[in-house]
PDB file of N, CA and C in Angstrom:
ATOM      1  N   MET A   1     125.665  97.198  88.047  1.00  0.00           N
ATOM      2  CA  MET A   1     126.431  96.164  88.699  1.00  0.00           C
ATOM      3  C   MET A   1     127.754  96.760  89.153  1.00  0.00           C
ATOM      4  N   ASN A   2     128.203  96.349  90.312  1.00  0.00           N
ATOM      5  CA  ASN A   2     129.474  96.817  90.832  1.00  0.00           C
ATOM      6  C   ASN A   2     130.619  96.310  89.978  1.00  0.00           C
ATOM      7  N   LYS A   3     131.655  97.149  89.870  1.00  0.00           N
ATOM      8  CA  LYS A   3     132.844  96.744  89.133  1.00  0.00           C
ATOM      9  C   LYS A   3     133.781  95.998  90.072  1.00  0.00           C
ATOM     10  N   ILE A   4     134.202  94.838  89.651  1.00  0.00           N
ATOM     11  CA  ILE A   4     135.164  94.047  90.404  1.00  0.00           C
ATOM     12  C   ILE A   4     136.347  93.822  89.475  1.00  0.00           C
ATOM     13  N   SER A   5     137.542  94.125  89.959  1.00  0.00           N
ATOM     14  CA  SER A   5     138.714  94.051  89.088  1.00  0.00           C
ATOM     15  C   SER A   5     138.962  92.639  88.567  1.00  0.00           C
ATOM     16  N   ASN A   6     138.847  91.665  89.408  1.00  0.00           N
ATOM     17  CA  ASN A   6     139.018  90.269  88.995  1.00  0.00           C
ATOM     18  C   ASN A   6     137.664  89.589  89.075  1.00  0.00           C
ATOM     19  N   PHE A   7     136.872  89.763  88.043  1.00  0.00           N
ATOM     20  CA  PHE A   7     135.491  89.306  88.055  1.00  0.00           C
ATOM     21  C   PHE A   7     135.407  87.859  87.584  1.00  0.00           C
ATOM     22  N   ASP A   8     135.724  86.932  88.501  1.00  0.00           N
ATOM     23  CA  ASP A   8     135.592  85.511  88.204  1.00  0.00           C
ATOM     24  C   ASP A   8     135.316  84.772  89.515  1.00  0.00           C
ATOM     25  N   ASP A   9     135.056  83.473  89.413  1.00  0.00           N
ATOM     26  CA  ASP A   9     134.644  82.692  90.576  1.00  0.00           C
ATOM     27  C   ASP A   9     135.654  82.709  91.712  1.00  0.00           C
ATOM     28  N   SER A  10     136.917  82.881  91.410  1.00  0.00           N
ATOM     29  CA  SER A  10     137.924  82.833  92.471  1.00  0.00           C
ATOM     30  C   SER A  10     138.022  84.142  93.255  1.00  0.00           C
ATOM     31  N   HIS A  11     137.307  85.185  92.815  1.00  0.00           N
ATOM     32  CA  HIS A  11     137.418  86.489  93.469  1.00  0.00           C
ATOM     33  C   HIS A  11     136.084  87.073  93.942  1.00  0.00           C
ATOM     34  N   VAL A  12     135.003  86.351  93.804  1.00  0.00           N
ATOM     35  CA  VAL A  12     133.688  86.890  94.141  1.00  0.00           C
ATOM     36  C   VAL A  12     133.027  85.985  95.173  1.00  0.00           C
ATOM     37  N   SER A  13     132.483  86.579  96.223  1.00  0.00           N
ATOM     38  CA  SER A  13     131.841  85.792  97.276  1.00  0.00           C
ATOM     39  C   SER A  13     130.353  85.612  96.984  1.00  0.00           C
ATOM     40  N   ILE A  14     129.774  84.631  97.629  1.00  0.00           N
ATOM     41  CA  ILE A  14     128.341  84.374  97.464  1.00  0.00           C
ATOM     42  C   ILE A  14     127.516  85.570  97.952  1.00  0.00           C
ATOM     43  N   SER A  15     128.024  86.274  98.940  1.00  0.00           N
ATOM     44  CA  SER A  15     127.283  87.438  99.454  1.00  0.00           C
ATOM     45  C   SER A  15     127.142  88.524  98.390  1.00  0.00           C
ATOM     46  N   TYR A  16     128.109  88.638  97.504  1.00  0.00           N
ATOM     47  CA  TYR A  16     128.002  89.599  96.400  1.00  0.00           C
ATOM     48  C   TYR A  16     126.784  89.266  95.539  1.00  0.00           C
ATOM     49  N   PHE A  17     126.666  88.012  95.153  1.00  0.00           N
ATOM     50  CA  PHE A  17     125.539  87.597  94.312  1.00  0.00           C
ATOM     51  C   PHE A  17     124.205  87.799  95.029  1.00  0.00           C
ATOM     52  N   LYS A  18     124.159  87.425  96.298  1.00  0.00           N
ATOM     53  CA  LYS A  18     122.925  87.576  97.066  1.00  0.00           C
ATOM     54  C   LYS A  18     122.493  89.041  97.117  1.00  0.00           C
ATOM     55  N   GLU A  19     123.440  89.928  97.330  1.00  0.00           N
ATOM     56  CA  GLU A  19     123.109  91.358  97.416  1.00  0.00           C
ATOM     57  C   GLU A  19     122.705  91.920  96.049  1.00  0.00           C
ATOM     58  N   GLU A  20     123.371  91.514  94.999  1.00  0.00           N
ATOM     59  CA  GLU A  20     123.002  91.977  93.657  1.00  0.00           C
ATOM     60  C   GLU A  20     121.575  91.560  93.314  1.00  0.00           C
ATOM     61  N   ILE A  21     121.219  90.322  93.634  1.00  0.00           N
ATOM     62  CA  ILE A  21     119.856  89.836  93.380  1.00  0.00           C
ATOM     63  C   ILE A  21     118.857  90.591  94.254  1.00  0.00           C
ATOM     64  N   ARG A  22     119.206  90.806  95.519  1.00  0.00           N
ATOM     65  CA  ARG A  22     118.318  91.533  96.428  1.00  0.00           C
ATOM     66  C   ARG A  22     118.017  92.929  95.875  1.00  0.00           C
ATOM     67  N   LYS A  23     119.044  93.646  95.443  1.00  0.00           N
ATOM     68  CA  LYS A  23     118.859  94.998  94.892  1.00  0.00           C
ATOM     69  C   LYS A  23     118.044  94.967  93.602  1.00  0.00           C
ATOM     70  N   PHE A  24     118.326  94.021  92.729  1.00  0.00           N
ATOM     71  CA  PHE A  24     117.618  93.887  91.462  1.00  0.00           C
ATOM     72  C   PHE A  24     116.116  93.701  91.702  1.00  0.00           C
ATOM     73  N   VAL A  25     115.787  92.793  92.595  1.00  0.00           N
ATOM     74  CA  VAL A  25     114.383  92.486  92.904  1.00  0.00           C
ATOM     75  C   VAL A  25     113.702  93.680  93.561  1.00  0.00           C
ATOM     76  N   THR A  26     114.363  94.297  94.519  1.00  0.00           N
ATOM     77  CA  THR A  26     113.787  95.432  95.254  1.00  0.00           C
ATOM     78  C   THR A  26     113.507  96.610  94.332  1.00  0.00           C
ATOM     79  N   LYS A  27     114.434  96.943  93.458  1.00  0.00           N
ATOM     80  CA  LYS A  27     114.261  98.084  92.548  1.00  0.00           C
ATOM     81  C   LYS A  27     113.073  97.898  91.617  1.00  0.00           C
ATOM     82  N   ARG A  28     112.655  96.669  91.395  1.00  0.00           N
ATOM     83  CA  ARG A  28     111.526  96.381  90.508  1.00  0.00           C
ATOM     84  C   ARG A  28     110.243  96.062  91.274  1.00  0.00           C
ATOM     85  N   ASN A  29     110.320  96.131  92.590  1.00  0.00           N
ATOM     86  CA  ASN A  29     109.161  95.819  93.438  1.00  0.00           C
ATOM     87  C   ASN A  29     108.601  94.429  93.167  1.00  0.00           C
ATOM     88  N   TRP A  30     109.481  93.474  92.998  1.00  0.00           N
ATOM     89  CA  TRP A  30     109.065  92.111  92.704  1.00  0.00           C
ATOM     90  C   TRP A  30     108.913  91.258  93.951  1.00  0.00           C
ATOM     91  N   GLU A  31     109.141  91.821  95.128  1.00  0.00           N
ATOM     92  CA  GLU A  31     109.072  91.013  96.351  1.00  0.00           C
ATOM     93  C   GLU A  31     107.728  90.305  96.507  1.00  0.00           C
ATOM     94  N   ILE A  32     106.649  90.953  96.064  1.00  0.00           N
ATOM     95  CA  ILE A  32     105.321  90.350  96.209  1.00  0.00           C
ATOM     96  C   ILE A  32     105.192  89.055  95.419  1.00  0.00           C
ATOM     97  N   HIS A  33     105.972  88.927  94.363  1.00  0.00           N
ATOM     98  CA  HIS A  33     105.924  87.721  93.529  1.00  0.00           C
ATOM     99  C   HIS A  33     106.901  86.646  94.008  1.00  0.00           C
ATOM    100  N   HIS A  34     107.831  87.046  94.859  1.00  0.00           N
ATOM    101  CA  HIS A  34     108.886  86.120  95.273  1.00  0.00           C
ATOM    102  C   HIS A  34     108.499  85.350  96.530  1.00  0.00           C
ATOM    103  N   THR A  35     107.505  84.500  96.347  1.00  0.00           N
ATOM    104  CA  THR A  35     107.112  83.578  97.409  1.00  0.00           C
ATOM    105  C   THR A  35     107.906  82.293  97.221  1.00  0.00           C
ATOM    106  N   PRO A  36     108.068  81.506  98.268  1.00  0.00           N
ATOM    107  CA  PRO A  36     108.790  80.235  98.075  1.00  0.00           C
ATOM    108  C   PRO A  36     108.210  79.388  96.947  1.00  0.00           C
ATOM    109  N   LYS A  37     106.897  79.279  96.898  1.00  0.00           N
ATOM    110  CA  LYS A  37     106.257  78.465  95.853  1.00  0.00           C
ATOM    111  C   LYS A  37     106.592  78.998  94.467  1.00  0.00           C
ATOM    112  N   ASN A  38     106.438  80.297  94.261  1.00  0.00           N
ATOM    113  CA  ASN A  38     106.716  80.872  92.944  1.00  0.00           C
ATOM    114  C   ASN A  38     108.174  80.703  92.547  1.00  0.00           C
ATOM    115  N   LEU A  39     109.075  80.896  93.491  1.00  0.00           N
ATOM    116  CA  LEU A  39     110.495  80.778  93.173  1.00  0.00           C
ATOM    117  C   LEU A  39     110.893  79.331  92.893  1.00  0.00           C
ATOM    118  N   ILE A  40     110.327  78.401  93.645  1.00  0.00           N
ATOM    119  CA  ILE A  40     110.607  76.985  93.390  1.00  0.00           C
ATOM    120  C   ILE A  40     110.074  76.591  92.010  1.00  0.00           C
ATOM    121  N   GLN A  41     108.903  77.071  91.655  1.00  0.00           N
ATOM    122  CA  GLN A  41     108.363  76.774  90.327  1.00  0.00           C
ATOM    123  C   GLN A  41     109.220  77.415  89.236  1.00  0.00           C
ATOM    124  N   ALA A  42     109.695  78.639  89.479  1.00  0.00           N
ATOM    125  CA  ALA A  42     110.562  79.307  88.506  1.00  0.00           C
ATOM    126  C   ALA A  42     111.873  78.537  88.335  1.00  0.00           C
ATOM    127  N   ILE A  43     112.435  78.051  89.446  1.00  0.00           N
ATOM    128  CA  ILE A  43     113.654  77.237  89.372  1.00  0.00           C
ATOM    129  C   ILE A  43     113.392  75.995  88.526  1.00  0.00           C
ATOM    130  N   SER A  44     112.276  75.336  88.768  1.00  0.00           N
ATOM    131  CA  SER A  44     111.922  74.128  88.020  1.00  0.00           C
ATOM    132  C   SER A  44     111.802  74.420  86.520  1.00  0.00           C
ATOM    133  N   ILE A  45     111.187  75.524  86.175  1.00  0.00           N
ATOM    134  CA  ILE A  45     111.034  75.909  84.769  1.00  0.00           C
ATOM    135  C   ILE A  45     112.397  76.169  84.138  1.00  0.00           C
ATOM    136  N   GLU A  46     113.251  76.890  84.863  1.00  0.00           N
ATOM    137  CA  GLU A  46     114.581  77.183  84.326  1.00  0.00           C
ATOM    138  C   GLU A  46     115.427  75.917  84.195  1.00  0.00           C
ATOM    139  N   VAL A  47     115.293  74.985  85.126  1.00  0.00           N
ATOM    140  CA  VAL A  47     116.011  73.707  85.009  1.00  0.00           C
ATOM    141  C   VAL A  47     115.501  72.949  83.782  1.00  0.00           C
ATOM    142  N   SER A  48     114.213  73.028  83.521  1.00  0.00           N
ATOM    143  CA  SER A  48     113.666  72.384  82.319  1.00  0.00           C
ATOM    144  C   SER A  48     114.237  73.031  81.059  1.00  0.00           C
ATOM    145  N   GLU A  49     114.371  74.353  81.059  1.00  0.00           N
ATOM    146  CA  GLU A  49     114.963  75.036  79.909  1.00  0.00           C
ATOM    147  C   GLU A  49     116.435  74.642  79.747  1.00  0.00           C
ATOM    148  N   LEU A  50     117.124  74.467  80.854  1.00  0.00           N
ATOM    149  CA  LEU A  50     118.508  73.992  80.820  1.00  0.00           C
ATOM    150  C   LEU A  50     118.569  72.600  80.199  1.00  0.00           C
ATOM    151  N   SER A  51     117.671  71.730  80.623  1.00  0.00           N
ATOM    152  CA  SER A  51     117.598  70.378  80.077  1.00  0.00           C
ATOM    153  C   SER A  51     117.283  70.394  78.588  1.00  0.00           C
ATOM    154  N   GLN A  52     116.404  71.297  78.197  1.00  0.00           N
ATOM    155  CA  GLN A  52     115.991  71.390  76.800  1.00  0.00           C
ATOM    156  C   GLN A  52     117.180  71.725  75.885  1.00  0.00           C
ATOM    157  N   CYS A  53     118.165  72.431  76.400  1.00  0.00           N
ATOM    158  CA  CYS A  53     119.352  72.769  75.597  1.00  0.00           C
ATOM    159  C   CYS A  53     120.036  71.522  75.045  1.00  0.00           C
ATOM    160  N   LEU A  54     119.940  70.422  75.766  1.00  0.00           N
ATOM    161  CA  LEU A  54     120.615  69.189  75.335  1.00  0.00           C
ATOM    162  C   LEU A  54     119.657  68.145  74.773  1.00  0.00           C
ATOM    163  N   LEU A  55     118.395  68.484  74.656  1.00  0.00           N
ATOM    164  CA  LEU A  55     117.408  67.538  74.138  1.00  0.00           C
ATOM    165  C   LEU A  55     117.767  67.118  72.715  1.00  0.00           C
ATOM    166  N   PHE A  56     117.874  65.827  72.509  1.00  0.00           N
ATOM    167  CA  PHE A  56     118.185  65.218  71.210  1.00  0.00           C
ATOM    168  C   PHE A  56     119.553  65.632  70.670  1.00  0.00           C
ATOM    169  N   LYS A  57     120.472  65.985  71.560  1.00  0.00           N
ATOM    170  CA  LYS A  57     121.812  66.366  71.135  1.00  0.00           C
ATOM    171  C   LYS A  57     122.821  65.371  71.705  1.00  0.00           C
ATOM    172  N   ASP A  58     123.958  65.295  71.052  1.00  0.00           N
ATOM    173  CA  ASP A  58     125.068  64.501  71.557  1.00  0.00           C
ATOM    174  C   ASP A  58     125.555  65.179  72.837  1.00  0.00           C
ATOM    175  N   ASP A  59     125.535  64.464  73.932  1.00  0.00           N
ATOM    176  CA  ASP A  59     125.867  65.099  75.210  1.00  0.00           C
ATOM    177  C   ASP A  59     127.299  64.846  75.672  1.00  0.00           C
ATOM    178  N   LYS A  60     128.168  64.408  74.758  1.00  0.00           N
ATOM    179  CA  LYS A  60     129.568  64.212  75.137  1.00  0.00           C
ATOM    180  C   LYS A  60     130.185  65.568  75.440  1.00  0.00           C
ATOM    181  N   ILE A  61     130.904  65.644  76.551  1.00  0.00           N
ATOM    182  CA  ILE A  61     131.451  66.912  77.016  1.00  0.00           C
ATOM    183  C   ILE A  61     132.305  67.598  75.956  1.00  0.00           C
ATOM    184  N   GLU A  62     133.101  66.823  75.220  1.00  0.00           N
ATOM    185  CA  GLU A  62     133.968  67.436  74.208  1.00  0.00           C
ATOM    186  C   GLU A  62     133.157  68.095  73.096  1.00  0.00           C
ATOM    187  N   ASN A  63     132.002  67.524  72.758  1.00  0.00           N
ATOM    188  CA  ASN A  63     131.139  68.121  71.736  1.00  0.00           C
ATOM    189  C   ASN A  63     130.444  69.379  72.253  1.00  0.00           C
ATOM    190  N   ILE A  64     130.037  69.354  73.495  1.00  0.00           N
ATOM    191  CA  ILE A  64     129.410  70.545  74.090  1.00  0.00           C
ATOM    192  C   ILE A  64     130.410  71.689  74.144  1.00  0.00           C
ATOM    193  N   LEU A  65     131.635  71.404  74.557  1.00  0.00           N
ATOM    194  CA  LEU A  65     132.652  72.454  74.694  1.00  0.00           C
ATOM    195  C   LEU A  65     133.060  73.059  73.353  1.00  0.00           C
ATOM    196  N   LYS A  66     132.894  72.331  72.276  1.00  0.00           N
ATOM    197  CA  LYS A  66     133.231  72.853  70.938  1.00  0.00           C
ATOM    198  C   LYS A  66     132.099  73.688  70.343  1.00  0.00           C
ATOM    199  N   ASP A  67     130.909  73.576  70.881  1.00  0.00           N
ATOM    200  CA  ASP A  67     129.732  74.258  70.339  1.00  0.00           C
ATOM    201  C   ASP A  67     129.494  75.545  71.120  1.00  0.00           C
ATOM    202  N   ASN A  68     130.024  76.653  70.636  1.00  0.00           N
ATOM    203  CA  ASN A  68     129.933  77.924  71.359  1.00  0.00           C
ATOM    204  C   ASN A  68     128.497  78.391  71.570  1.00  0.00           C
ATOM    205  N   PHE A  69     127.649  78.180  70.586  1.00  0.00           N
ATOM    206  CA  PHE A  69     126.250  78.580  70.719  1.00  0.00           C
ATOM    207  C   PHE A  69     125.566  77.787  71.831  1.00  0.00           C
ATOM    208  N   LEU A  70     125.760  76.484  71.826  1.00  0.00           N
ATOM    209  CA  LEU A  70     125.176  75.628  72.856  1.00  0.00           C
ATOM    210  C   LEU A  70     125.740  75.979  74.226  1.00  0.00           C
ATOM    211  N   LEU A  71     127.034  76.149  74.306  1.00  0.00           N
ATOM    212  CA  LEU A  71     127.671  76.490  75.576  1.00  0.00           C
ATOM    213  C   LEU A  71     127.155  77.824  76.120  1.00  0.00           C
ATOM    214  N   SER A  72     126.937  78.782  75.244  1.00  0.00           N
ATOM    215  CA  SER A  72     126.379  80.074  75.651  1.00  0.00           C
ATOM    216  C   SER A  72     124.957  79.914  76.184  1.00  0.00           C
ATOM    217  N   ASN A  73     124.143  79.109  75.494  1.00  0.00           N
ATOM    218  CA  ASN A  73     122.774  78.863  75.960  1.00  0.00           C
ATOM    219  C   ASN A  73     122.763  78.152  77.310  1.00  0.00           C
ATOM    220  N   LEU A  74     123.635  77.155  77.456  1.00  0.00           N
ATOM    221  CA  LEU A  74     123.734  76.451  78.739  1.00  0.00           C
ATOM    222  C   LEU A  74     124.137  77.418  79.845  1.00  0.00           C
ATOM    223  N   SER A  75     125.092  78.258  79.564  1.00  0.00           N
ATOM    224  CA  SER A  75     125.559  79.243  80.536  1.00  0.00           C
ATOM    225  C   SER A  75     124.427  80.176  80.966  1.00  0.00           C
ATOM    226  N   ASP A  76     123.641  80.660  80.007  1.00  0.00           N
ATOM    227  CA  ASP A  76     122.509  81.540  80.322  1.00  0.00           C
ATOM    228  C   ASP A  76     121.484  80.836  81.207  1.00  0.00           C
ATOM    229  N   GLU A  77     121.154  79.593  80.868  1.00  0.00           N
ATOM    230  CA  GLU A  77     120.148  78.863  81.647  1.00  0.00           C
ATOM    231  C   GLU A  77     120.671  78.518  83.043  1.00  0.00           C
ATOM    232  N   ILE A  78     121.945  78.195  83.152  1.00  0.00           N
ATOM    233  CA  ILE A  78     122.536  77.954  84.471  1.00  0.00           C
ATOM    234  C   ILE A  78     122.455  79.223  85.310  1.00  0.00           C
ATOM    235  N   ALA A  79     122.739  80.361  84.700  1.00  0.00           N
ATOM    236  CA  ALA A  79     122.644  81.634  85.420  1.00  0.00           C
ATOM    237  C   ALA A  79     121.211  81.896  85.876  1.00  0.00           C
ATOM    238  N   ASP A  80     120.226  81.591  85.031  1.00  0.00           N
ATOM    239  CA  ASP A  80     118.824  81.771  85.424  1.00  0.00           C
ATOM    240  C   ASP A  80     118.481  80.921  86.641  1.00  0.00           C
ATOM    241  N   VAL A  81     118.911  79.662  86.641  1.00  0.00           N
ATOM    242  CA  VAL A  81     118.674  78.776  87.790  1.00  0.00           C
ATOM    243  C   VAL A  81     119.319  79.370  89.037  1.00  0.00           C
ATOM    244  N   PHE A  82     120.554  79.813  88.902  1.00  0.00           N
ATOM    245  CA  PHE A  82     121.312  80.393  90.013  1.00  0.00           C
ATOM    246  C   PHE A  82     120.626  81.646  90.559  1.00  0.00           C
ATOM    247  N   ILE A  83     120.135  82.498  89.676  1.00  0.00           N
ATOM    248  CA  ILE A  83     119.459  83.732  90.093  1.00  0.00           C
ATOM    249  C   ILE A  83     118.200  83.416  90.902  1.00  0.00           C
ATOM    250  N   TYR A  84     117.374  82.512  90.401  1.00  0.00           N
ATOM    251  CA  TYR A  84     116.164  82.158  91.145  1.00  0.00           C
ATOM    252  C   TYR A  84     116.499  81.444  92.449  1.00  0.00           C
ATOM    253  N   LEU A  85     117.523  80.613  92.439  1.00  0.00           N
ATOM    254  CA  LEU A  85     117.941  79.931  93.662  1.00  0.00           C
ATOM    255  C   LEU A  85     118.408  80.945  94.706  1.00  0.00           C
ATOM    256  N   LEU A  86     119.175  81.931  94.285  1.00  0.00           N
ATOM    257  CA  LEU A  86     119.603  82.976  95.214  1.00  0.00           C
ATOM    258  C   LEU A  86     118.416  83.787  95.732  1.00  0.00           C
ATOM    259  N   SER A  87     117.440  84.023  94.891  1.00  0.00           N
ATOM    260  CA  SER A  87     116.234  84.722  95.344  1.00  0.00           C
ATOM    261  C   SER A  87     115.522  83.933  96.432  1.00  0.00           C
ATOM    262  N   LEU A  88     115.449  82.624  96.251  1.00  0.00           N
ATOM    263  CA  LEU A  88     114.833  81.763  97.261  1.00  0.00           C
ATOM    264  C   LEU A  88     115.652  81.781  98.550  1.00  0.00           C
ATOM    265  N   ILE A  89     116.951  81.684  98.415  1.00  0.00           N
ATOM    266  CA  ILE A  89     117.847  81.750  99.577  1.00  0.00           C
ATOM    267  C   ILE A  89     117.647  83.068 100.321  1.00  0.00           C
ATOM    268  N   ASN A  90     117.537  84.150  99.573  1.00  0.00           N
ATOM    269  CA  ASN A  90     117.348  85.466 100.192  1.00  0.00           C
ATOM    270  C   ASN A  90     116.051  85.553 100.985  1.00  0.00           C
ATOM    271  N   ILE A  91     114.942  85.132 100.387  1.00  0.00           N
ATOM    272  CA  ILE A  91     113.670  85.312 101.102  1.00  0.00           C
ATOM    273  C   ILE A  91     113.545  84.378 102.301  1.00  0.00           C
ATOM    274  N   LEU A  92     114.220  83.230 102.229  1.00  0.00           N
ATOM    275  CA  LEU A  92     114.170  82.299 103.360  1.00  0.00           C
ATOM    276  C   LEU A  92     115.294  82.550 104.363  1.00  0.00           C
ATOM    277  N   ASN A  93     116.153  83.520 104.026  1.00  0.00           N
ATOM    278  CA  ASN A  93     117.272  83.897 104.897  1.00  0.00           C
ATOM    279  C   ASN A  93     118.134  82.675 105.254  1.00  0.00           C
ATOM    280  N   ILE A  94     118.460  81.899 104.247  1.00  0.00           N
ATOM    281  CA  ILE A  94     119.291  80.709 104.422  1.00  0.00           C
ATOM    282  C   ILE A  94     120.745  81.092 104.246  1.00  0.00           C
ATOM    283  N   ASP A  95     121.583  80.594 105.136  1.00  0.00           N
ATOM    284  CA  ASP A  95     123.020  80.773 104.986  1.00  0.00           C
ATOM    285  C   ASP A  95     123.518  79.621 104.115  1.00  0.00           C
ATOM    286  N   LEU A  96     123.842  79.939 102.875  1.00  0.00           N
ATOM    287  CA  LEU A  96     124.198  78.905 101.908  1.00  0.00           C
ATOM    288  C   LEU A  96     125.456  78.146 102.321  1.00  0.00           C
ATOM    289  N   THR A  97     126.419  78.839 102.882  1.00  0.00           N
ATOM    290  CA  THR A  97     127.652  78.169 103.295  1.00  0.00           C
ATOM    291  C   THR A  97     127.367  77.119 104.358  1.00  0.00           C
ATOM    292  N   SER A  98     126.595  77.469 105.367  1.00  0.00           N
ATOM    293  CA  SER A  98     126.243  76.514 106.428  1.00  0.00           C
ATOM    294  C   SER A  98     125.446  75.343 105.862  1.00  0.00           C
ATOM    295  N   SER A  99     124.501  75.660 104.980  1.00  0.00           N
ATOM    296  CA  SER A  99     123.700  74.596 104.360  1.00  0.00           C
ATOM    297  C   SER A  99     124.576  73.643 103.574  1.00  0.00           C
ATOM    298  N   PHE A 100     125.507  74.204 102.826  1.00  0.00           N
ATOM    299  CA  PHE A 100     126.416  73.381 102.028  1.00  0.00           C
ATOM    300  C   PHE A 100     127.268  72.477 102.920  1.00  0.00           C
ATOM    301  N   ILE A 101     127.863  73.044 103.946  1.00  0.00           N
ATOM    302  CA  ILE A 101     128.729  72.274 104.846  1.00  0.00           C
ATOM    303  C   ILE A 101     127.936  71.153 105.519  1.00  0.00           C
ATOM    304  N   ASN A 102     126.749  71.478 106.020  1.00  0.00           N
ATOM    305  CA  ASN A 102     125.909  70.464 106.675  1.00  0.00           C
ATOM    306  C   ASN A 102     125.504  69.350 105.714  1.00  0.00           C
ATOM    307  N   LYS A 103     125.116  69.721 104.504  1.00  0.00           N
ATOM    308  CA  LYS A 103     124.677  68.712 103.532  1.00  0.00           C
ATOM    309  C   LYS A 103     125.841  67.840 103.076  1.00  0.00           C
ATOM    310  N   MET A 104     127.015  68.436 102.885  1.00  0.00           N
ATOM    311  CA  MET A 104     128.172  67.634 102.482  1.00  0.00           C
ATOM    312  C   MET A 104     128.550  66.629 103.565  1.00  0.00           C
ATOM    313  N   GLU A 105     128.413  67.008 104.818  1.00  0.00           N
ATOM    314  CA  GLU A 105     128.692  66.061 105.900  1.00  0.00           C
ATOM    315  C   GLU A 105     127.694  64.901 105.860  1.00  0.00           C
ATOM    316  N   LYS A 106     126.417  65.203 105.628  1.00  0.00           N
ATOM    317  CA  LYS A 106     125.412  64.144 105.489  1.00  0.00           C
ATOM    318  C   LYS A 106     125.743  63.245 104.297  1.00  0.00           C
ATOM    319  N   ASN A 107     126.194  63.856 103.183  1.00  0.00           N
ATOM    320  CA  ASN A 107     126.553  63.072 101.990  1.00  0.00           C
ATOM    321  C   ASN A 107     127.749  62.165 102.253  1.00  0.00           C
ATOM    322  N   ARG A 108     128.716  62.638 103.034  1.00  0.00           N
ATOM    323  CA  ARG A 108     129.883  61.805 103.359  1.00  0.00           C
ATOM    324  C   ARG A 108     129.464  60.561 104.145  1.00  0.00           C
ATOM    325  N   VAL A 109     128.481  60.730 105.017  1.00  0.00           N
ATOM    326  CA  VAL A 109     127.971  59.595 105.793  1.00  0.00           C
ATOM    327  C   VAL A 109     127.127  58.683 104.894  1.00  0.00           C
ATOM    328  N   LYS A 110     126.286  59.278 104.077  1.00  0.00           N
ATOM    329  CA  LYS A 110     125.376  58.525 103.215  1.00  0.00           C
ATOM    330  C   LYS A 110     126.116  57.769 102.107  1.00  0.00           C
ATOM    331  N   TYR A 111     127.182  58.378 101.587  1.00  0.00           N
ATOM    332  CA  TYR A 111     127.947  57.792 100.485  1.00  0.00           C
ATOM    333  C   TYR A 111     129.414  57.636 100.902  1.00  0.00           C
ATOM    334  N   PRO A 112     129.697  56.660 101.784  1.00  0.00           N
ATOM    335  CA  PRO A 112     131.068  56.488 102.273  1.00  0.00           C
ATOM    336  C   PRO A 112     132.019  56.026 101.160  1.00  0.00           C
ATOM    337  N   ILE A 113     133.257  56.474 101.246  1.00  0.00           N
ATOM    338  CA  ILE A 113     134.265  56.135 100.240  1.00  0.00           C
ATOM    339  C   ILE A 113     134.432  54.623 100.118  1.00  0.00           C
ATOM    340  N   LYS A 114     134.361  53.926 101.234  1.00  0.00           N
ATOM    341  CA  LYS A 114     134.540  52.464 101.210  1.00  0.00           C
ATOM    342  C   LYS A 114     133.528  51.791 100.273  1.00  0.00           C
ATOM    343  N   GLU A 115     132.309  52.323 100.239  1.00  0.00           N
ATOM    344  CA  GLU A 115     131.256  51.743  99.405  1.00  0.00           C
ATOM    345  C   GLU A 115     131.204  52.381  98.013  1.00  0.00           C
ATOM    346  N   PHE A 116     131.578  53.635  97.923  1.00  0.00           N
ATOM    347  CA  PHE A 116     131.463  54.395  96.664  1.00  0.00           C
ATOM    348  C   PHE A 116     132.850  54.872  96.238  1.00  0.00           C
ATOM    349  N   ASN A 117     133.680  53.929  95.771  1.00  0.00           N
ATOM    350  CA  ASN A 117     135.036  54.303  95.428  1.00  0.00           C
ATOM    351  C   ASN A 117     135.465  53.855  94.035  1.00  0.00           C
ATOM    352  N   ASP A 118     134.553  53.277  93.279  1.00  0.00           N
ATOM    353  CA  ASP A 118     134.961  52.793  91.962  1.00  0.00           C
ATOM    354  C   ASP A 118     134.066  53.343  90.856  1.00  0.00           C
ATOM    355  N   GLY A 119     133.481  54.497  91.096  1.00  0.00           N
ATOM    356  CA  GLY A 119     132.665  55.136  90.084  1.00  0.00           C
ATOM    357  C   GLY A 119     131.201  54.734  90.103  1.00  0.00           C
ATOM    358  N   LYS A 120     130.864  53.734  90.884  1.00  0.00           N
ATOM    359  CA  LYS A 120     129.452  53.344  90.913  1.00  0.00           C
ATOM    360  C   LYS A 120     128.670  54.390  91.716  1.00  0.00           C
ATOM    361  N   TYR A 121     127.424  54.562  91.309  1.00  0.00           N
ATOM    362  CA  TYR A 121     126.559  55.526  91.968  1.00  0.00           C
ATOM    363  C   TYR A 121     125.147  54.986  91.963  1.00  0.00           C
ATOM    364  N   TYR A 122     124.524  55.081  93.072  1.00  0.00           N
ATOM    365  CA  TYR A 122     123.105  54.796  93.173  1.00  0.00           C
ATOM    366  C   TYR A 122     122.568  55.624  94.337  1.00  0.00           C
ATOM    367  N   LYS A 123     121.312  55.943  94.261  1.00  0.00           N
ATOM    368  CA  LYS A 123     120.665  56.758  95.274  1.00  0.00           C
ATOM    369  C   LYS A 123     120.364  55.901  96.478  1.00  0.00           C
ATOM    370  N   LYS A 124     120.765  56.340  97.641  1.00  0.00           N
ATOM    371  CA  LYS A 124     120.494  55.623  98.887  1.00  0.00           C
ATOM    372  C   LYS A 124     119.275  56.215  99.571  1.00  0.00           C
TER     373      LYS A 124
END
């Protein structure tokens, strides 16, 4: 992995992650396994493992933040989801920034502040 002096979210671009995943997959010759279907299924499995971390547990944020073991497990599973998601983005050649901007604009229209301003949420 490349050394970055300030290795945190405020100093690393999405392109760094995409390239690291691309190199990781290529060096292992895993491209044949990285079909959209396989990657979507892998994402689903990892999201289930993420969910399992909180199964039958108190899910209050303050309790999660005090539990270092749980927080570490959640962090690992979130990273797994992110890695598979980036792999999917890579093979489909999706520009994540453009996708994000476009989707947020759709969300602003779908969930206007006038209607969604007091904490209520429902799927439209």
